[in-house]
PDB file of N, CA and C in Angstrom:
ATOM      1  N   UNK A   1      43.238 -78.509  59.703  1.00  0.00           N
ATOM      2  CA  UNK A   1      42.530 -77.275  59.954  1.00  0.00           C
ATOM      3  C   UNK A   1      41.099 -77.443  59.447  1.00  0.00           C
ATOM      4  N   UNK A   2      40.135 -77.158  60.290  1.00  0.00           N
ATOM      5  CA  UNK A   2      38.741 -77.315  59.874  1.00  0.00           C
ATOM      6  C   UNK A   2      38.261 -76.084  59.107  1.00  0.00           C
ATOM      7  N   UNK A   3      37.105 -76.188  58.525  1.00  0.00           N
ATOM      8  CA  UNK A   3      36.599 -75.123  57.648  1.00  0.00           C
ATOM      9  C   UNK A   3      36.291 -73.840  58.415  1.00  0.00           C
ATOM     10  N   UNK A   4      35.890 -73.970  59.666  1.00  0.00           N
ATOM     11  CA  UNK A   4      35.597 -72.776  60.467  1.00  0.00           C
ATOM     12  C   UNK A   4      36.872 -71.974  60.705  1.00  0.00           C
ATOM     13  N   UNK A   5      37.947 -72.652  61.034  1.00  0.00           N
ATOM     14  CA  UNK A   5      39.214 -71.970  61.259  1.00  0.00           C
ATOM     15  C   UNK A   5      39.735 -71.353  59.963  1.00  0.00           C
ATOM     16  N   UNK A   6      39.551 -72.062  58.866  1.00  0.00           N
ATOM     17  CA  UNK A   6      39.973 -71.550  57.570  1.00  0.00           C
ATOM     18  C   UNK A   6      39.161 -70.311  57.181  1.00  0.00           C
ATOM     19  N   UNK A   7      37.877 -70.348  57.425  1.00  0.00           N
ATOM     20  CA  UNK A   7      37.017 -69.200  57.130  1.00  0.00           C
ATOM     21  C   UNK A   7      37.392 -68.009  58.007  1.00  0.00           C
ATOM     22  N   UNK A   8      37.647 -68.268  59.271  1.00  0.00           N
ATOM     23  CA  UNK A   8      38.053 -67.204  60.185  1.00  0.00           C
ATOM     24  C   UNK A   8      39.373 -66.582  59.753  1.00  0.00           C
ATOM     25  N   UNK A   9      40.286 -67.421  59.322  1.00  0.00           N
ATOM     26  CA  UNK A   9      41.569 -66.925  58.835  1.00  0.00           C
ATOM     27  C   UNK A   9      41.384 -66.070  57.588  1.00  0.00           C
ATOM     28  N   UNK A  10      40.530 -66.510  56.695  1.00  0.00           N
ATOM     29  CA  UNK A  10      40.273 -65.749  55.470  1.00  0.00           C
ATOM     30  C   UNK A  10      39.606 -64.412  55.790  1.00  0.00           C
ATOM     31  N   UNK A  11      38.679 -64.398  56.715  1.00  0.00           N
ATOM     32  CA  UNK A  11      38.008 -63.160  57.122  1.00  0.00           C
ATOM     33  C   UNK A  11      39.014 -62.198  57.763  1.00  0.00           C
ATOM     34  N   UNK A  12      39.877 -62.723  58.604  1.00  0.00           N
ATOM     35  CA  UNK A  12      40.894 -61.881  59.241  1.00  0.00           C
ATOM     36  C   UNK A  12      41.827 -61.271  58.204  1.00  0.00           C
ATOM     37  N   UNK A  13      42.218 -62.062  57.240  1.00  0.00           N
ATOM     38  CA  UNK A  13      43.094 -61.571  56.172  1.00  0.00           C
ATOM     39  C   UNK A  13      42.398 -60.490  55.361  1.00  0.00           C
ATOM     40  N   UNK A  14      41.136 -60.706  55.045  1.00  0.00           N
ATOM     41  CA  UNK A  14      40.371 -59.716  54.276  1.00  0.00           C
ATOM     42  C   UNK A  14      40.203 -58.429  55.064  1.00  0.00           C
ATOM     43  N   UNK A  15      39.973 -58.538  56.354  1.00  0.00           N
ATOM     44  CA  UNK A  15      39.840 -57.347  57.197  1.00  0.00           C
ATOM     45  C   UNK A  15      41.143 -56.561  57.234  1.00  0.00           C
ATOM     46  N   UNK A  16      42.248 -57.257  57.351  1.00  0.00           N
ATOM     47  CA  UNK A  16      43.547 -56.595  57.366  1.00  0.00           C
ATOM     48  C   UNK A  16      43.822 -55.900  56.035  1.00  0.00           C
ATOM     49  N   UNK A  17      43.465 -56.538  54.945  1.00  0.00           N
ATOM     50  CA  UNK A  17      43.644 -55.948  53.622  1.00  0.00           C
ATOM     51  C   UNK A  17      42.788 -54.692  53.470  1.00  0.00           C
ATOM     52  N   UNK A  18      41.552 -54.772  53.912  1.00  0.00           N
ATOM     53  CA  UNK A  18      40.657 -53.617  53.830  1.00  0.00           C
ATOM     54  C   UNK A  18      41.185 -52.468  54.673  1.00  0.00           C
ATOM     55  N   UNK A  19      41.668 -52.777  55.868  1.00  0.00           N
ATOM     56  CA  UNK A  19      42.214 -51.741  56.749  1.00  0.00           C
ATOM     57  C   UNK A  19      43.438 -51.088  56.104  1.00  0.00           C
ATOM     58  N   UNK A  20      44.290 -51.872  55.487  1.00  0.00           N
ATOM     59  CA  UNK A  20      45.466 -51.329  54.814  1.00  0.00           C
ATOM     60  C   UNK A  20      45.056 -50.433  53.653  1.00  0.00           C
ATOM     61  N   UNK A  21      44.061 -50.841  52.896  1.00  0.00           N
ATOM     62  CA  UNK A  21      43.593 -50.030  51.772  1.00  0.00           C
ATOM     63  C   UNK A  21      43.020 -48.695  52.251  1.00  0.00           C
ATOM     64  N   UNK A  22      42.306 -48.726  53.348  1.00  0.00           N
ATOM     65  CA  UNK A  22      41.748 -47.494  53.909  1.00  0.00           C
ATOM     66  C   UNK A  22      42.878 -46.573  54.368  1.00  0.00           C
ATOM     67  N   UNK A  23      43.893 -47.134  55.016  1.00  0.00           N
ATOM     68  CA  UNK A  23      45.016 -46.317  55.477  1.00  0.00           C
ATOM     69  C   UNK A  23      45.765 -45.695  54.302  1.00  0.00           C
ATOM     70  N   UNK A  24      45.983 -46.464  53.248  1.00  0.00           N
ATOM     71  CA  UNK A  24      46.664 -45.937  52.064  1.00  0.00           C
ATOM     72  C   UNK A  24      45.823 -44.826  51.442  1.00  0.00           C
ATOM     73  N   UNK A  25      44.522 -45.016  51.371  1.00  0.00           N
ATOM     74  CA  UNK A  25      43.632 -44.006  50.820  1.00  0.00           C
ATOM     75  C   UNK A  25      43.687 -42.718  51.640  1.00  0.00           C
ATOM     76  N   UNK A  26      43.720 -42.839  52.955  1.00  0.00           N
ATOM     77  CA  UNK A  26      43.793 -41.669  53.816  1.00  0.00           C
ATOM     78  C   UNK A  26      45.109 -40.924  53.619  1.00  0.00           C
ATOM     79  N   UNK A  27      46.204 -41.644  53.487  1.00  0.00           N
ATOM     80  CA  UNK A  27      47.502 -41.011  53.261  1.00  0.00           C
ATOM     81  C   UNK A  27      47.510 -40.292  51.916  1.00  0.00           C
ATOM     82  N   UNK A  28      46.915 -40.901  50.900  1.00  0.00           N
ATOM     83  CA  UNK A  28      46.837 -40.258  49.579  1.00  0.00           C
ATOM     84  C   UNK A  28      46.016 -38.974  49.652  1.00  0.00           C
ATOM     85  N   UNK A  29      44.886 -39.014  50.345  1.00  0.00           N
ATOM     86  CA  UNK A  29      44.045 -37.828  50.487  1.00  0.00           C
ATOM     87  C   UNK A  29      44.802 -36.713  51.211  1.00  0.00           C
ATOM     88  N   UNK A  30      45.520 -37.073  52.262  1.00  0.00           N
ATOM     89  CA  UNK A  30      46.295 -36.088  53.010  1.00  0.00           C
ATOM     90  C   UNK A  30      47.388 -35.501  52.134  1.00  0.00           C
ATOM     91  N   UNK A  31      48.046 -36.341  51.348  1.00  0.00           N
ATOM     92  CA  UNK A  31      49.106 -35.885  50.451  1.00  0.00           C
ATOM     93  C   UNK A  31      48.541 -34.925  49.412  1.00  0.00           C
ATOM     94  N   UNK A  32      47.394 -35.253  48.835  1.00  0.00           N
ATOM     95  CA  UNK A  32      46.766 -34.381  47.848  1.00  0.00           C
ATOM     96  C   UNK A  32      46.399 -33.026  48.455  1.00  0.00           C
ATOM     97  N   UNK A  33      45.884 -33.035  49.680  1.00  0.00           N
ATOM     98  CA  UNK A  33      45.537 -31.783  50.353  1.00  0.00           C
ATOM     99  C   UNK A  33      46.781 -30.933  50.591  1.00  0.00           C
ATOM    100  N   UNK A  34      47.878 -31.571  50.991  1.00  0.00           N
ATOM    101  CA  UNK A  34      49.124 -30.841  51.218  1.00  0.00           C
ATOM    102  C   UNK A  34      49.677 -30.284  49.902  1.00  0.00           C
ATOM    103  N   UNK A  35      49.570 -31.054  48.819  1.00  0.00           N
ATOM    104  CA  UNK A  35      50.041 -30.581  47.513  1.00  0.00           C
ATOM    105  C   UNK A  35      49.220 -29.368  47.063  1.00  0.00           C
ATOM    106  N   UNK A  36      47.918 -29.400  47.295  1.00  0.00           N
ATOM    107  CA  UNK A  36      47.069 -28.267  46.935  1.00  0.00           C
ATOM    108  C   UNK A  36      47.428 -27.034  47.757  1.00  0.00           C
ATOM    109  N   UNK A  37      47.720 -27.218  49.028  1.00  0.00           N
ATOM    110  CA  UNK A  37      48.110 -26.098  49.887  1.00  0.00           C
ATOM    111  C   UNK A  37      49.434 -25.508  49.422  1.00  0.00           C
ATOM    112  N   UNK A  38      50.384 -26.350  49.070  1.00  0.00           N
ATOM    113  CA  UNK A  38      51.676 -25.879  48.575  1.00  0.00           C
ATOM    114  C   UNK A  38      51.490 -25.104  47.273  1.00  0.00           C
ATOM    115  N   UNK A  39      50.635 -25.604  46.388  1.00  0.00           N
ATOM    116  CA  UNK A  39      50.373 -24.909  45.125  1.00  0.00           C
ATOM    117  C   UNK A  39      49.736 -23.552  45.377  1.00  0.00           C
ATOM    118  N   UNK A  40      48.813 -23.472  46.318  1.00  0.00           N
ATOM    119  CA  UNK A  40      48.162 -22.211  46.651  1.00  0.00           C
ATOM    120  C   UNK A  40      49.165 -21.205  47.198  1.00  0.00           C
ATOM    121  N   UNK A  41      50.024 -21.649  48.095  1.00  0.00           N
ATOM    122  CA  UNK A  41      51.040 -20.759  48.672  1.00  0.00           C
ATOM    123  C   UNK A  41      52.030 -20.313  47.603  1.00  0.00           C
ATOM    124  N   UNK A  42      52.442 -21.228  46.744  1.00  0.00           N
ATOM    125  CA  UNK A  42      53.376 -20.892  45.673  1.00  0.00           C
ATOM    126  C   UNK A  42      52.773 -19.872  44.724  1.00  0.00           C
ATOM    127  N   UNK A  43      51.511 -20.062  44.350  1.00  0.00           N
ATOM    128  CA  UNK A  43      50.853 -19.119  43.451  1.00  0.00           C
ATOM    129  C   UNK A  43      50.759 -17.733  44.067  1.00  0.00           C
ATOM    130  N   UNK A  44      50.404 -17.655  45.335  1.00  0.00           N
ATOM    131  CA  UNK A  44      50.279 -16.341  45.972  1.00  0.00           C
ATOM    132  C   UNK A  44      51.645 -15.681  46.143  1.00  0.00           C
ATOM    133  N   UNK A  45      52.685 -16.464  46.389  1.00  0.00           N
ATOM    134  CA  UNK A  45      54.026 -15.898  46.515  1.00  0.00           C
ATOM    135  C   UNK A  45      54.533 -15.391  45.173  1.00  0.00           C
ATOM    136  N   UNK A  46      54.228 -16.103  44.098  1.00  0.00           N
ATOM    137  CA  UNK A  46      54.666 -15.685  42.775  1.00  0.00           C
ATOM    138  C   UNK A  46      53.847 -14.509  42.257  1.00  0.00           C
ATOM    139  N   UNK A  47      52.638 -14.335  42.730  1.00  0.00           N
ATOM    140  CA  UNK A  47      51.774 -13.261  42.266  1.00  0.00           C
ATOM    141  C   UNK A  47      52.046 -11.942  42.980  1.00  0.00           C
ATOM    142  N   UNK A  48      52.783 -11.966  44.089  1.00  0.00           N
ATOM    143  CA  UNK A  48      53.044 -10.730  44.818  1.00  0.00           C
ATOM    144  C   UNK A  48      53.971  -9.838  44.005  1.00  0.00           C
ATOM    145  N   UNK A  49      53.779  -8.520  44.085  1.00  0.00           N
ATOM    146  CA  UNK A  49      54.609  -7.614  43.284  1.00  0.00           C
ATOM    147  C   UNK A  49      56.063  -7.624  43.765  1.00  0.00           C
ATOM    148  N   UNK A  50      56.947  -7.461  42.810  1.00  0.00           N
ATOM    149  CA  UNK A  50      58.368  -7.439  43.118  1.00  0.00           C
ATOM    150  C   UNK A  50      58.744  -6.027  43.559  1.00  0.00           C
ATOM    151  N   UNK A  51      59.530  -5.911  44.598  1.00  0.00           N
ATOM    152  CA  UNK A  51      59.965  -4.602  45.083  1.00  0.00           C
ATOM    153  C   UNK A  51      60.878  -3.951  44.054  1.00  0.00           C
ATOM    154  N   UNK A  52      60.716  -2.638  43.904  1.00  0.00           N
ATOM    155  CA  UNK A  52      61.549  -1.937  42.932  1.00  0.00           C
ATOM    156  C   UNK A  52      62.989  -1.850  43.447  1.00  0.00           C
ATOM    157  N   UNK A  53      63.903  -1.601  42.532  1.00  0.00           N
ATOM    158  CA  UNK A  53      65.321  -1.550  42.894  1.00  0.00           C
ATOM    159  C   UNK A  53      65.557  -0.415  43.868  1.00  0.00           C
ATOM    160  N   UNK A  54      66.316  -0.676  44.912  1.00  0.00           N
ATOM    161  CA  UNK A  54      66.666   0.341  45.889  1.00  0.00           C
ATOM    162  C   UNK A  54      65.632   0.526  46.985  1.00  0.00           C
ATOM    163  N   UNK A  55      64.571  -0.195  46.952  1.00  0.00           N
ATOM    164  CA  UNK A  55      63.546  -0.051  47.985  1.00  0.00           C
ATOM    165  C   UNK A  55      64.101  -0.474  49.330  1.00  0.00           C
ATOM    166  N   UNK A  56      63.973   0.398  50.293  1.00  0.00           N
ATOM    167  CA  UNK A  56      64.425   0.107  51.649  1.00  0.00           C
ATOM    168  C   UNK A  56      65.895   0.385  51.875  1.00  0.00           C
ATOM    169  N   UNK A  57      66.591   0.932  50.890  1.00  0.00           N
ATOM    170  CA  UNK A  57      68.021   1.204  51.063  1.00  0.00           C
ATOM    171  C   UNK A  57      68.261   2.449  51.896  1.00  0.00           C
ATOM    172  N   UNK A  58      67.359   3.439  51.765  1.00  0.00           N
ATOM    173  CA  UNK A  58      67.526   4.712  52.482  1.00  0.00           C
ATOM    174  C   UNK A  58      66.284   4.974  53.303  1.00  0.00           C
ATOM    175  N   UNK A  59      66.442   5.445  54.509  1.00  0.00           N
ATOM    176  CA  UNK A  59      65.319   5.777  55.370  1.00  0.00           C
ATOM    177  C   UNK A  59      64.992   7.260  55.189  1.00  0.00           C
ATOM    178  N   UNK A  60      63.759   7.540  54.816  1.00  0.00           N
ATOM    179  CA  UNK A  60      63.325   8.905  54.626  1.00  0.00           C
ATOM    180  C   UNK A  60      62.837   9.448  55.956  1.00  0.00           C
ATOM    181  N   UNK A  61      63.618  10.280  56.590  1.00  0.00           N
ATOM    182  CA  UNK A  61      63.242  10.817  57.899  1.00  0.00           C
ATOM    183  C   UNK A  61      62.302  11.991  57.788  1.00  0.00           C
ATOM    184  N   UNK A  62      62.083  12.528  56.569  1.00  0.00           N
ATOM    185  CA  UNK A  62      61.194  13.664  56.363  1.00  0.00           C
ATOM    186  C   UNK A  62      59.760  13.256  56.068  1.00  0.00           C
ATOM    187  N   UNK A  63      59.524  11.979  55.960  1.00  0.00           N
ATOM    188  CA  UNK A  63      58.183  11.528  55.614  1.00  0.00           C
ATOM    189  C   UNK A  63      57.241  11.666  56.777  1.00  0.00           C
TER     190      UNK A  63
END
């Protein structure tokens, strides 16, 4: 194998490694965004007031 072919092989390997690192980084960023969205939804669901006992059990037709 001559040096040109070896250099080309090394460049191809480095490009593949860089592409894989970029893909992993993108997946991590997406995962972090989804985790933040889940935390936001969880916080808003936990912050909502709890319905009092018996709410909705009887329909008030005089209202």
